[in-house]
Amino acid sequence: MIKTYSYAKDKDQFLTPHFQVWEFRSYWDNESRLTTDQILIDEKLPILLEKIFEKLNCSSIAVTSGYRSEDFDIAIGGFAGYHSKGMAADIMCYDQNKNLIGSKEVCLAAEDLGTLGIGYGNNYTHLDTRDWKSYFDETNGKTGINSFYNYFNIKKEEPVRIEKYKVGDTVQINAVYISSVDENKMTPLIDTGTITKILENVRNPYLLDDGNIGWVNDDCIIKKMATKPINVGDKVKVLNNVQYNGEPFVLYYDIYDVLEISGDRVVIGVDNVVTCAININNLEKI
């Protein structure tokens, strides 16, 4: 969403931990030469800059050009583009030693973050929040760059994924999502489940109990439950009161007896009276 601010009234307001309204003002060369009091800022823009800040471990980021009033944008050779919509910023990033981070590195970081509007400059980098991909080189006017890694002939190091959890792990959770890409966190009805599927490169990669609970990510998981081999005759505690067929059941006892085992299907009961069949991953040996 594009929000409108007043330099006079809102300049000191923080948009994110490192960026304030005044940094995106439309100006010629200093604060005394504003082209307009109005400042348009896409709320996604400072969030993007915060991600750049964190990824590059910056000591600071200077916004050299943020919002530009349309007449100003045209006057300096622009065409009332994304700057005039409050959707773009030209930035200079500095490392922990206060040294300028090269625009190549900033472009690569922005690409890694999935930014769609990136422009390479001599000592600055253009970033914008457009919803279609456009990578370009402002030093020579080249457009249609597919990847800055290819353009700069730099090999991209693929991240090594550390597998925290695997299919079959029983985990305790504090939140759940309705799909692998959903962003709306919900409170789970059941706080323990078994991972039955794992997807790559999605927001919520772990499916619990074949979807009877939902999808979770690492932030949702409190801990992995310790498991012990379960055999007929063992005493067990029910971690997730869902029958093998997916139907819930009422827990009348804290501890049950294991009466039968067939693969992952376990029949439990008390004093040889059958309660139900349940997935072995929903049980914990006592």
C-alpha atoms as a PDB file:
ATOM      1  CA  MET A   1       0.000   0.000   0.000  1.00  0.00           C
ATOM      2  CA  ILE A   2       1.257   3.468  -0.904  1.00  0.00           C
ATOM      3  CA  LYS A   3       1.064   5.827   2.064  1.00  0.00           C
ATOM      4  CA  THR A   4       1.261   9.610   2.032  1.00  0.00           C
ATOM      5  CA  TYR A   5       3.323  11.508   4.590  1.00  0.00           C
ATOM      6  CA  SER A   6       4.143  15.152   5.279  1.00  0.00           C
ATOM      7  CA  TYR A   7       7.784  16.079   5.685  1.00  0.00           C
ATOM      8  CA  ALA A   8       6.891  18.828   8.145  1.00  0.00           C
ATOM      9  CA  LYS A   9       4.648  16.646  10.303  1.00  0.00           C
ATOM     10  CA  ASP A  10       5.972  13.115   9.858  1.00  0.00           C
ATOM     11  CA  LYS A  11       9.689  13.400   9.038  1.00  0.00           C
ATOM     12  CA  ASP A  12      10.875  11.813  12.307  1.00  0.00           C
ATOM     13  CA  GLN A  13       8.461   8.885  12.189  1.00  0.00           C
ATOM     14  CA  PHE A  14      10.132   5.464  12.038  1.00  0.00           C
ATOM     15  CA  LEU A  15       8.857   3.194   9.279  1.00  0.00           C
ATOM     16  CA  THR A  16      11.096   0.292  10.334  1.00  0.00           C
ATOM     17  CA  PRO A  17      13.887   0.051  12.932  1.00  0.00           C
ATOM     18  CA  HIS A  18      16.466   1.688  10.622  1.00  0.00           C
ATOM     19  CA  PHE A  19      14.434   3.967   8.353  1.00  0.00           C
ATOM     20  CA  GLN A  20      12.474   7.169   8.952  1.00  0.00           C
ATOM     21  CA  VAL A  21      10.085   9.124   6.748  1.00  0.00           C
ATOM     22  CA  TRP A  22      12.517  12.000   6.083  1.00  0.00           C
ATOM     23  CA  GLU A  23      14.967   9.694   4.302  1.00  0.00           C
ATOM     24  CA  PHE A  24      12.512   9.228   1.419  1.00  0.00           C
ATOM     25  CA  ARG A  25      11.837  12.967   0.877  1.00  0.00           C
ATOM     26  CA  SER A  26      11.897  14.556  -2.583  1.00  0.00           C
ATOM     27  CA  TYR A  27      14.833  16.975  -2.614  1.00  0.00           C
ATOM     28  CA  TRP A  28      17.470  18.509  -4.848  1.00  0.00           C
ATOM     29  CA  ASP A  29      20.572  18.279  -2.718  1.00  0.00           C
ATOM     30  CA  ASN A  30      19.704  18.973   0.910  1.00  0.00           C
ATOM     31  CA  GLU A  31      16.742  19.339   3.243  1.00  0.00           C
ATOM     32  CA  SER A  32      16.422  23.083   2.521  1.00  0.00           C
ATOM     33  CA  ARG A  33      15.605  22.409  -1.106  1.00  0.00           C
ATOM     34  CA  LEU A  34      12.604  20.109  -0.894  1.00  0.00           C
ATOM     35  CA  THR A  35      10.577  19.865  -4.095  1.00  0.00           C
ATOM     36  CA  THR A  36       7.400  19.097  -2.128  1.00  0.00           C
ATOM     37  CA  ASP A  37       6.277  18.543   1.446  1.00  0.00           C
ATOM     38  CA  GLN A  38       4.464  15.380   0.364  1.00  0.00           C
ATOM     39  CA  ILE A  39       6.273  12.040   0.591  1.00  0.00           C
ATOM     40  CA  LEU A  40       4.812   8.897  -0.947  1.00  0.00           C
ATOM     41  CA  ILE A  41       6.189   5.596   0.372  1.00  0.00           C
ATOM     42  CA  ASP A  42       5.160   2.082  -0.509  1.00  0.00           C
ATOM     43  CA  GLU A  43       5.045   0.321   2.869  1.00  0.00           C
ATOM     44  CA  LYS A  44       6.882  -2.634   1.300  1.00  0.00           C
ATOM     45  CA  LEU A  45       9.899  -0.469   0.395  1.00  0.00           C
ATOM     46  CA  PRO A  46      11.426   0.159   3.849  1.00  0.00           C
ATOM     47  CA  ILE A  47      10.743  -3.494   4.700  1.00  0.00           C
ATOM     48  CA  LEU A  48      12.782  -4.490   1.654  1.00  0.00           C
ATOM     49  CA  LEU A  49      15.593  -2.175   2.732  1.00  0.00           C
ATOM     50  CA  GLU A  50      15.555  -3.730   6.202  1.00  0.00           C
ATOM     51  CA  LYS A  51      16.045  -7.149   4.602  1.00  0.00           C
ATOM     52  CA  ILE A  52      19.001  -5.787   2.628  1.00  0.00           C
ATOM     53  CA  PHE A  53      20.358  -4.247   5.841  1.00  0.00           C
ATOM     54  CA  GLU A  54      20.241  -7.617   7.602  1.00  0.00           C
ATOM     55  CA  LYS A  55      21.486  -9.743   4.706  1.00  0.00           C
ATOM     56  CA  LEU A  56      24.568  -7.569   4.121  1.00  0.00           C
ATOM     57  CA  ASN A  57      25.131  -6.889   7.830  1.00  0.00           C
ATOM     58  CA  CYS A  58      25.185  -3.164   7.130  1.00  0.00           C
ATOM     59  CA  SER A  59      26.226  -0.502   9.606  1.00  0.00           C
ATOM     60  CA  SER A  60      23.982   1.923   7.695  1.00  0.00           C
ATOM     61  CA  ILE A  61      22.134   2.444   4.436  1.00  0.00           C
ATOM     62  CA  ALA A  62      21.849   5.891   2.879  1.00  0.00           C
ATOM     63  CA  VAL A  63      18.786   6.568   0.745  1.00  0.00           C
ATOM     64  CA  THR A  64      20.229   8.868  -1.908  1.00  0.00           C
ATOM     65  CA  SER A  65      16.928   9.175  -3.743  1.00  0.00           C
ATOM     66  CA  GLY A  66      13.532   8.008  -2.580  1.00  0.00           C
ATOM     67  CA  TYR A  67      10.267   9.666  -3.512  1.00  0.00           C
ATOM     68  CA  ARG A  68      10.445  12.211  -6.334  1.00  0.00           C
ATOM     69  CA  SER A  69       7.598  14.550  -7.154  1.00  0.00           C
ATOM     70  CA  GLU A  70       6.634  14.066 -10.797  1.00  0.00           C
ATOM     71  CA  ASP A  71       7.897  17.464 -11.959  1.00  0.00           C
ATOM     72  CA  PHE A  72      11.217  16.864 -10.204  1.00  0.00           C
ATOM     73  CA  ASP A  73      11.557  13.358 -11.620  1.00  0.00           C
ATOM     74  CA  ILE A  74      11.021  14.684 -15.136  1.00  0.00           C
ATOM     75  CA  ALA A  75      13.326  17.662 -14.543  1.00  0.00           C
ATOM     76  CA  ILE A  76      16.290  15.421 -13.739  1.00  0.00           C
ATOM     77  CA  GLY A  77      15.706  13.269 -16.814  1.00  0.00           C
ATOM     78  CA  GLY A  78      13.238  10.773 -15.411  1.00  0.00           C
ATOM     79  CA  PHE A  79       9.804   9.888 -16.688  1.00  0.00           C
ATOM     80  CA  ALA A  80       7.593   9.902 -13.591  1.00  0.00           C
ATOM     81  CA  GLY A  81       8.431   6.273 -12.863  1.00  0.00           C
ATOM     82  CA  TYR A  82       8.529   4.206  -9.704  1.00  0.00           C
ATOM     83  CA  HIS A  83      10.279   6.947  -7.724  1.00  0.00           C
ATOM     84  CA  SER A  84       7.325   9.246  -8.339  1.00  0.00           C
ATOM     85  CA  LYS A  85       4.980   6.516  -7.093  1.00  0.00           C
ATOM     86  CA  GLY A  86       6.895   6.109  -3.832  1.00  0.00           C
ATOM     87  CA  MET A  87       7.911   2.588  -4.837  1.00  0.00           C
ATOM     88  CA  ALA A  88      11.661   3.049  -5.441  1.00  0.00           C
ATOM     89  CA  ALA A  89      14.838   4.023  -3.646  1.00  0.00           C
ATOM     90  CA  ASP A  90      18.447   4.478  -4.724  1.00  0.00           C
ATOM     91  CA  ILE A  91      20.666   3.353  -1.872  1.00  0.00           C
ATOM     92  CA  MET A  92      24.287   3.173  -0.764  1.00  0.00           C
ATOM     93  CA  CYS A  93      25.119   0.417   1.733  1.00  0.00           C
ATOM     94  CA  TYR A  94      27.985   0.526   4.217  1.00  0.00           C
ATOM     95  CA  ASP A  95      29.642  -2.383   6.024  1.00  0.00           C
ATOM     96  CA  GLN A  96      30.605  -2.548   9.693  1.00  0.00           C
ATOM     97  CA  ASN A  97      33.846  -0.699   8.935  1.00  0.00           C
ATOM     98  CA  LYS A  98      31.849   2.152   7.333  1.00  0.00           C
ATOM     99  CA  ASN A  99      33.121   1.170   3.879  1.00  0.00           C
ATOM    100  CA  LEU A 100      30.827   1.338   0.865  1.00  0.00           C
ATOM    101  CA  ILE A 101      29.523  -2.056  -0.225  1.00  0.00           C
ATOM    102  CA  GLY A 102      29.746  -2.391  -3.993  1.00  0.00           C
ATOM    103  CA  SER A 103      26.581  -2.217  -6.035  1.00  0.00           C
ATOM    104  CA  LYS A 104      27.308  -5.660  -7.495  1.00  0.00           C
ATOM    105  CA  GLU A 105      27.052  -7.194  -4.042  1.00  0.00           C
ATOM    106  CA  VAL A 106      23.885  -5.257  -3.274  1.00  0.00           C
ATOM    107  CA  CYS A 107      22.295  -6.387  -6.553  1.00  0.00           C
ATOM    108  CA  LEU A 108      23.106 -10.015  -5.779  1.00  0.00           C
ATOM    109  CA  ALA A 109      21.689  -9.704  -2.261  1.00  0.00           C
ATOM    110  CA  ALA A 110      18.491  -8.146  -3.613  1.00  0.00           C
ATOM    111  CA  GLU A 111      18.173 -10.915  -6.210  1.00  0.00           C
ATOM    112  CA  ASP A 112      18.612 -13.543  -3.493  1.00  0.00           C
ATOM    113  CA  LEU A 113      15.761 -11.891  -1.595  1.00  0.00           C
ATOM    114  CA  GLY A 114      13.472 -12.170  -4.615  1.00  0.00           C
ATOM    115  CA  THR A 115      13.355  -8.428  -5.387  1.00  0.00           C
ATOM    116  CA  LEU A 116      11.799  -7.842  -8.811  1.00  0.00           C
ATOM    117  CA  GLY A 117      13.055  -4.293  -9.530  1.00  0.00           C
ATOM    118  CA  ILE A 118      16.864  -3.968  -9.351  1.00  0.00           C
ATOM    119  CA  GLY A 119      19.155  -1.482 -11.085  1.00  0.00           C
ATOM    120  CA  TYR A 120      22.962  -1.575 -10.954  1.00  0.00           C
ATOM    121  CA  GLY A 121      24.678   1.806 -10.551  1.00  0.00           C
ATOM    122  CA  ASN A 122      28.252   3.066 -10.292  1.00  0.00           C
ATOM    123  CA  ASN A 123      28.182   3.583  -6.526  1.00  0.00           C
ATOM    124  CA  TYR A 124      24.508   3.084  -5.727  1.00  0.00           C
ATOM    125  CA  THR A 125      21.775   0.512  -6.308  1.00  0.00           C
ATOM    126  CA  HIS A 126      18.209   1.123  -7.459  1.00  0.00           C
ATOM    127  CA  LEU A 127      15.552  -1.040  -5.798  1.00  0.00           C
ATOM    128  CA  ASP A 128      11.805  -0.899  -6.315  1.00  0.00           C
ATOM    129  CA  THR A 129       8.709  -2.840  -5.339  1.00  0.00           C
ATOM    130  CA  ARG A 130       7.190  -3.469  -8.772  1.00  0.00           C
ATOM    131  CA  ASP A 131       5.331  -6.756  -9.276  1.00  0.00           C
ATOM    132  CA  TRP A 132       7.145  -7.853 -12.432  1.00  0.00           C
ATOM    133  CA  LYS A 133      10.819  -8.630 -12.965  1.00  0.00           C
ATOM    134  CA  SER A 134      13.120  -5.948 -14.326  1.00  0.00           C
ATOM    135  CA  TYR A 135      16.894  -6.108 -13.821  1.00  0.00           C
ATOM    136  CA  PHE A 136      18.921  -3.378 -15.535  1.00  0.00           C
ATOM    137  CA  ASP A 137      22.305  -1.648 -15.630  1.00  0.00           C
ATOM    138  CA  GLU A 138      22.025   2.119 -15.178  1.00  0.00           C
ATOM    139  CA  THR A 139      25.678   2.627 -16.103  1.00  0.00           C
ATOM    140  CA  ASN A 140      25.111   1.627 -19.742  1.00  0.00           C
ATOM    141  CA  GLY A 141      21.324   1.464 -20.181  1.00  0.00           C
ATOM    142  CA  LYS A 142      21.194  -2.310 -20.594  1.00  0.00           C
ATOM    143  CA  THR A 143      17.829  -3.860 -19.707  1.00  0.00           C
ATOM    144  CA  GLY A 144      16.383  -7.355 -19.712  1.00  0.00           C
ATOM    145  CA  ILE A 145      19.068  -8.847 -17.468  1.00  0.00           C
ATOM    146  CA  ASN A 146      17.920 -12.297 -16.406  1.00  0.00           C
ATOM    147  CA  SER A 147      20.248 -12.688 -13.432  1.00  0.00           C
ATOM    148  CA  PHE A 148      22.965 -10.479 -11.987  1.00  0.00           C
ATOM    149  CA  TYR A 149      24.936 -13.624 -11.174  1.00  0.00           C
ATOM    150  CA  ASN A 150      25.140 -14.383 -14.899  1.00  0.00           C
ATOM    151  CA  TYR A 151      25.589 -10.721 -15.839  1.00  0.00           C
ATOM    152  CA  PHE A 152      28.574 -10.301 -13.503  1.00  0.00           C
ATOM    153  CA  ASN A 153      29.807 -13.852 -14.224  1.00  0.00           C
ATOM    154  CA  ILE A 154      29.608 -14.812 -10.558  1.00  0.00           C
ATOM    155  CA  LYS A 155      28.858 -18.377  -9.477  1.00  0.00           C
ATOM    156  CA  LYS A 156      25.958 -18.567  -7.077  1.00  0.00           C
ATOM    157  CA  GLU A 157      26.666 -20.608  -3.993  1.00  0.00           C
ATOM    158  CA  GLU A 158      23.657 -22.774  -3.289  1.00  0.00           C
ATOM    159  CA  PRO A 159      22.712 -22.739   0.385  1.00  0.00           C
ATOM    160  CA  VAL A 160      23.173 -25.981   2.271  1.00  0.00           C
ATOM    161  CA  ARG A 161      19.921 -26.994   3.865  1.00  0.00           C
ATOM    162  CA  ILE A 162      20.221 -28.375   7.361  1.00  0.00           C
ATOM    163  CA  GLU A 163      17.441 -30.903   7.810  1.00  0.00           C
ATOM    164  CA  LYS A 164      16.009 -30.281  11.261  1.00  0.00           C
ATOM    165  CA  TYR A 165      13.103 -32.659  10.948  1.00  0.00           C
ATOM    166  CA  LYS A 166      12.179 -35.708   8.899  1.00  0.00           C
ATOM    167  CA  VAL A 167       9.048 -37.615   7.983  1.00  0.00           C
ATOM    168  CA  GLY A 168       7.937 -39.613  11.005  1.00  0.00           C
ATOM    169  CA  ASP A 169       9.093 -37.092  13.593  1.00  0.00           C
ATOM    170  CA  THR A 170       6.502 -36.209  16.215  1.00  0.00           C
ATOM    171  CA  VAL A 171       6.627 -32.525  17.105  1.00  0.00           C
ATOM    172  CA  GLN A 172       4.975 -30.165  19.540  1.00  0.00           C
ATOM    173  CA  ILE A 173       3.641 -26.984  17.897  1.00  0.00           C
ATOM    174  CA  ASN A 174       2.240 -23.587  18.864  1.00  0.00           C
ATOM    175  CA  ALA A 175       0.846 -22.514  15.486  1.00  0.00           C
ATOM    176  CA  VAL A 176      -0.419 -23.986  12.221  1.00  0.00           C
ATOM    177  CA  TYR A 177      -1.273 -22.933   8.640  1.00  0.00           C
ATOM    178  CA  ILE A 178      -3.940 -24.251   6.292  1.00  0.00           C
ATOM    179  CA  SER A 179      -1.540 -24.686   3.360  1.00  0.00           C
ATOM    180  CA  SER A 180       2.161 -24.866   2.558  1.00  0.00           C
ATOM    181  CA  VAL A 181       2.151 -21.235   1.325  1.00  0.00           C
ATOM    182  CA  ASP A 182      -0.399 -19.690   3.689  1.00  0.00           C
ATOM    183  CA  GLU A 183       0.723 -16.614   5.675  1.00  0.00           C
ATOM    184  CA  ASN A 184      -2.162 -16.520   8.171  1.00  0.00           C
ATOM    185  CA  LYS A 185      -1.001 -18.169  11.371  1.00  0.00           C
ATOM    186  CA  MET A 186      -3.675 -19.973  13.396  1.00  0.00           C
ATOM    187  CA  THR A 187      -3.810 -21.489  16.866  1.00  0.00           C
ATOM    188  CA  PRO A 188      -3.830 -25.295  16.498  1.00  0.00           C
ATOM    189  CA  LEU A 189      -6.630 -27.388  17.966  1.00  0.00           C
ATOM    190  CA  ILE A 190      -4.047 -30.116  18.671  1.00  0.00           C
ATOM    191  CA  ASP A 191      -0.544 -29.174  19.818  1.00  0.00           C
ATOM    192  CA  THR A 192       1.267 -32.397  18.872  1.00  0.00           C
ATOM    193  CA  GLY A 193       1.466 -34.072  15.474  1.00  0.00           C
ATOM    194  CA  THR A 194       3.568 -36.259  13.220  1.00  0.00           C
ATOM    195  CA  ILE A 195       5.316 -35.005  10.091  1.00  0.00           C
ATOM    196  CA  THR A 196       3.971 -37.029   7.170  1.00  0.00           C
ATOM    197  CA  LYS A 197       5.264 -34.958   4.242  1.00  0.00           C
ATOM    198  CA  ILE A 198       8.021 -32.369   3.637  1.00  0.00           C
ATOM    199  CA  LEU A 199       8.049 -29.973   0.668  1.00  0.00           C
ATOM    200  CA  GLU A 200      11.039 -27.973  -0.599  1.00  0.00           C
ATOM    201  CA  ASN A 201      11.155 -24.185  -1.038  1.00  0.00           C
ATOM    202  CA  VAL A 202       7.791 -23.363   0.511  1.00  0.00           C
ATOM    203  CA  ARG A 203       6.883 -21.186   3.461  1.00  0.00           C
ATOM    204  CA  ASN A 204       5.427 -24.013   5.581  1.00  0.00           C
ATOM    205  CA  PRO A 205       7.191 -27.207   4.506  1.00  0.00           C
ATOM    206  CA  TYR A 206       5.925 -29.748   7.067  1.00  0.00           C
ATOM    207  CA  LEU A 207       2.533 -31.478   6.732  1.00  0.00           C
ATOM    208  CA  LEU A 208       1.260 -32.917   9.995  1.00  0.00           C
ATOM    209  CA  ASP A 209      -0.865 -36.062  10.236  1.00  0.00           C
ATOM    210  CA  ASP A 210      -1.602 -36.127   6.494  1.00  0.00           C
ATOM    211  CA  GLY A 211      -3.336 -32.763   6.748  1.00  0.00           C
ATOM    212  CA  ASN A 212      -5.571 -33.512   9.721  1.00  0.00           C
ATOM    213  CA  ILE A 213      -3.659 -30.869  11.676  1.00  0.00           C
ATOM    214  CA  GLY A 214      -2.239 -28.674   8.891  1.00  0.00           C
ATOM    215  CA  TRP A 215       1.097 -27.272   7.752  1.00  0.00           C
ATOM    216  CA  VAL A 216       3.880 -25.820   9.912  1.00  0.00           C
ATOM    217  CA  ASN A 217       7.343 -24.281   9.592  1.00  0.00           C
ATOM    218  CA  ASP A 218      10.357 -24.237  11.910  1.00  0.00           C
ATOM    219  CA  ASP A 219       8.981 -21.258  13.841  1.00  0.00           C
ATOM    220  CA  CYS A 220       5.810 -23.212  14.687  1.00  0.00           C
ATOM    221  CA  ILE A 221       7.672 -26.174  16.162  1.00  0.00           C
ATOM    222  CA  ILE A 222       8.471 -25.971  19.859  1.00  0.00           C
ATOM    223  CA  LYS A 223      10.385 -29.247  20.014  1.00  0.00           C
ATOM    224  CA  LYS A 224      10.691 -32.722  18.581  1.00  0.00           C
ATOM    225  CA  MET A 225       9.208 -35.340  20.849  1.00  0.00           C
ATOM    226  CA  ALA A 226      11.544 -38.112  21.970  1.00  0.00           C
ATOM    227  CA  THR A 227      10.466 -41.520  20.740  1.00  0.00           C
ATOM    228  CA  LYS A 228      11.170 -45.050  21.972  1.00  0.00           C
ATOM    229  CA  PRO A 229      10.506 -48.397  20.261  1.00  0.00           C
ATOM    230  CA  ILE A 230       6.961 -49.574  20.993  1.00  0.00           C
ATOM    231  CA  ASN A 231       6.058 -53.250  21.348  1.00  0.00           C
ATOM    232  CA  VAL A 232       2.971 -55.273  22.278  1.00  0.00           C
ATOM    233  CA  GLY A 233       2.511 -55.137  26.036  1.00  0.00           C
ATOM    234  CA  ASP A 234       4.103 -51.707  26.473  1.00  0.00           C
ATOM    235  CA  LYS A 235       2.451 -48.860  28.326  1.00  0.00           C
ATOM    236  CA  VAL A 236       1.994 -45.749  26.186  1.00  0.00           C
ATOM    237  CA  LYS A 237       0.814 -42.167  26.396  1.00  0.00           C
ATOM    238  CA  VAL A 238      -1.288 -40.731  23.581  1.00  0.00           C
ATOM    239  CA  LEU A 239       0.321 -37.648  22.023  1.00  0.00           C
ATOM    240  CA  ASN A 240      -2.403 -36.946  19.496  1.00  0.00           C
ATOM    241  CA  ASN A 241      -5.905 -38.297  20.149  1.00  0.00           C
ATOM    242  CA  VAL A 242      -6.736 -39.067  16.526  1.00  0.00           C
ATOM    243  CA  GLN A 243      -7.665 -42.588  15.493  1.00  0.00           C
ATOM    244  CA  TYR A 244      -5.908 -44.403  12.661  1.00  0.00           C
ATOM    245  CA  ASN A 245      -8.835 -43.538  10.376  1.00  0.00           C
ATOM    246  CA  GLY A 246      -8.426 -39.827  11.155  1.00  0.00           C
ATOM    247  CA  GLU A 247     -11.371 -39.512  13.536  1.00  0.00           C
ATOM    248  CA  PRO A 248     -10.735 -37.959  16.977  1.00  0.00           C
ATOM    249  CA  PHE A 249     -11.446 -39.866  20.160  1.00  0.00           C
ATOM    250  CA  VAL A 250     -11.858 -38.904  23.813  1.00  0.00           C
ATOM    251  CA  LEU A 251      -8.977 -39.594  26.185  1.00  0.00           C
ATOM    252  CA  TYR A 252     -10.388 -41.193  29.310  1.00  0.00           C
ATOM    253  CA  TYR A 253      -7.032 -42.469  30.573  1.00  0.00           C
ATOM    254  CA  ASP A 254      -3.496 -41.100  30.827  1.00  0.00           C
ATOM    255  CA  ILE A 255      -1.882 -44.444  30.039  1.00  0.00           C
ATOM    256  CA  TYR A 256      -2.958 -47.237  27.656  1.00  0.00           C
ATOM    257  CA  ASP A 257      -1.781 -50.767  26.921  1.00  0.00           C
ATOM    258  CA  VAL A 258      -0.475 -51.775  23.487  1.00  0.00           C
ATOM    259  CA  LEU A 259      -2.626 -54.728  22.405  1.00  0.00           C
ATOM    260  CA  GLU A 260      -1.661 -55.197  18.742  1.00  0.00           C
ATOM    261  CA  ILE A 261       0.852 -53.760  16.248  1.00  0.00           C
ATOM    262  CA  SER A 262       0.701 -54.009  12.450  1.00  0.00           C
ATOM    263  CA  GLY A 263       3.116 -51.688  10.699  1.00  0.00           C
ATOM    264  CA  ASP A 264       2.301 -48.189  11.919  1.00  0.00           C
ATOM    265  CA  ARG A 265      -1.173 -49.274  13.120  1.00  0.00           C
ATOM    266  CA  VAL A 266      -1.373 -49.848  16.849  1.00  0.00           C
ATOM    267  CA  VAL A 267      -4.392 -51.075  18.792  1.00  0.00           C
ATOM    268  CA  ILE A 268      -4.523 -49.646  22.304  1.00  0.00           C
ATOM    269  CA  GLY A 269      -6.787 -50.311  25.249  1.00  0.00           C
ATOM    270  CA  VAL A 270      -7.018 -50.824  28.974  1.00  0.00           C
ATOM    271  CA  ASP A 271      -7.087 -54.270  30.632  1.00  0.00           C
ATOM    272  CA  ASN A 272      -7.451 -55.972  27.208  1.00  0.00           C
ATOM    273  CA  VAL A 273     -10.504 -53.845  26.366  1.00  0.00           C
ATOM    274  CA  VAL A 274      -9.909 -52.173  23.012  1.00  0.00           C
ATOM    275  CA  THR A 275     -10.091 -48.383  22.894  1.00  0.00           C
ATOM    276  CA  CYS A 276      -9.112 -47.767  19.254  1.00  0.00           C
ATOM    277  CA  ALA A 277      -6.447 -48.124  16.579  1.00  0.00           C
ATOM    278  CA  ILE A 278      -3.957 -45.279  16.306  1.00  0.00           C
ATOM    279  CA  ASN A 279      -0.848 -44.353  14.310  1.00  0.00           C
ATOM    280  CA  ILE A 280       2.291 -45.418  16.175  1.00  0.00           C
ATOM    281  CA  ASN A 281       3.738 -41.931  15.718  1.00  0.00           C
ATOM    282  CA  ASN A 282       0.968 -40.551  17.898  1.00  0.00           C
ATOM    283  CA  LEU A 283       2.121 -42.625  20.866  1.00  0.00           C
ATOM    284  CA  GLU A 284       4.929 -42.236  23.347  1.00  0.00           C
ATOM    285  CA  LYS A 285       6.304 -45.198  25.270  1.00  0.00           C
ATOM    286  CA  ILE A 286       6.194 -44.786  29.045  1.00  0.00           C
END
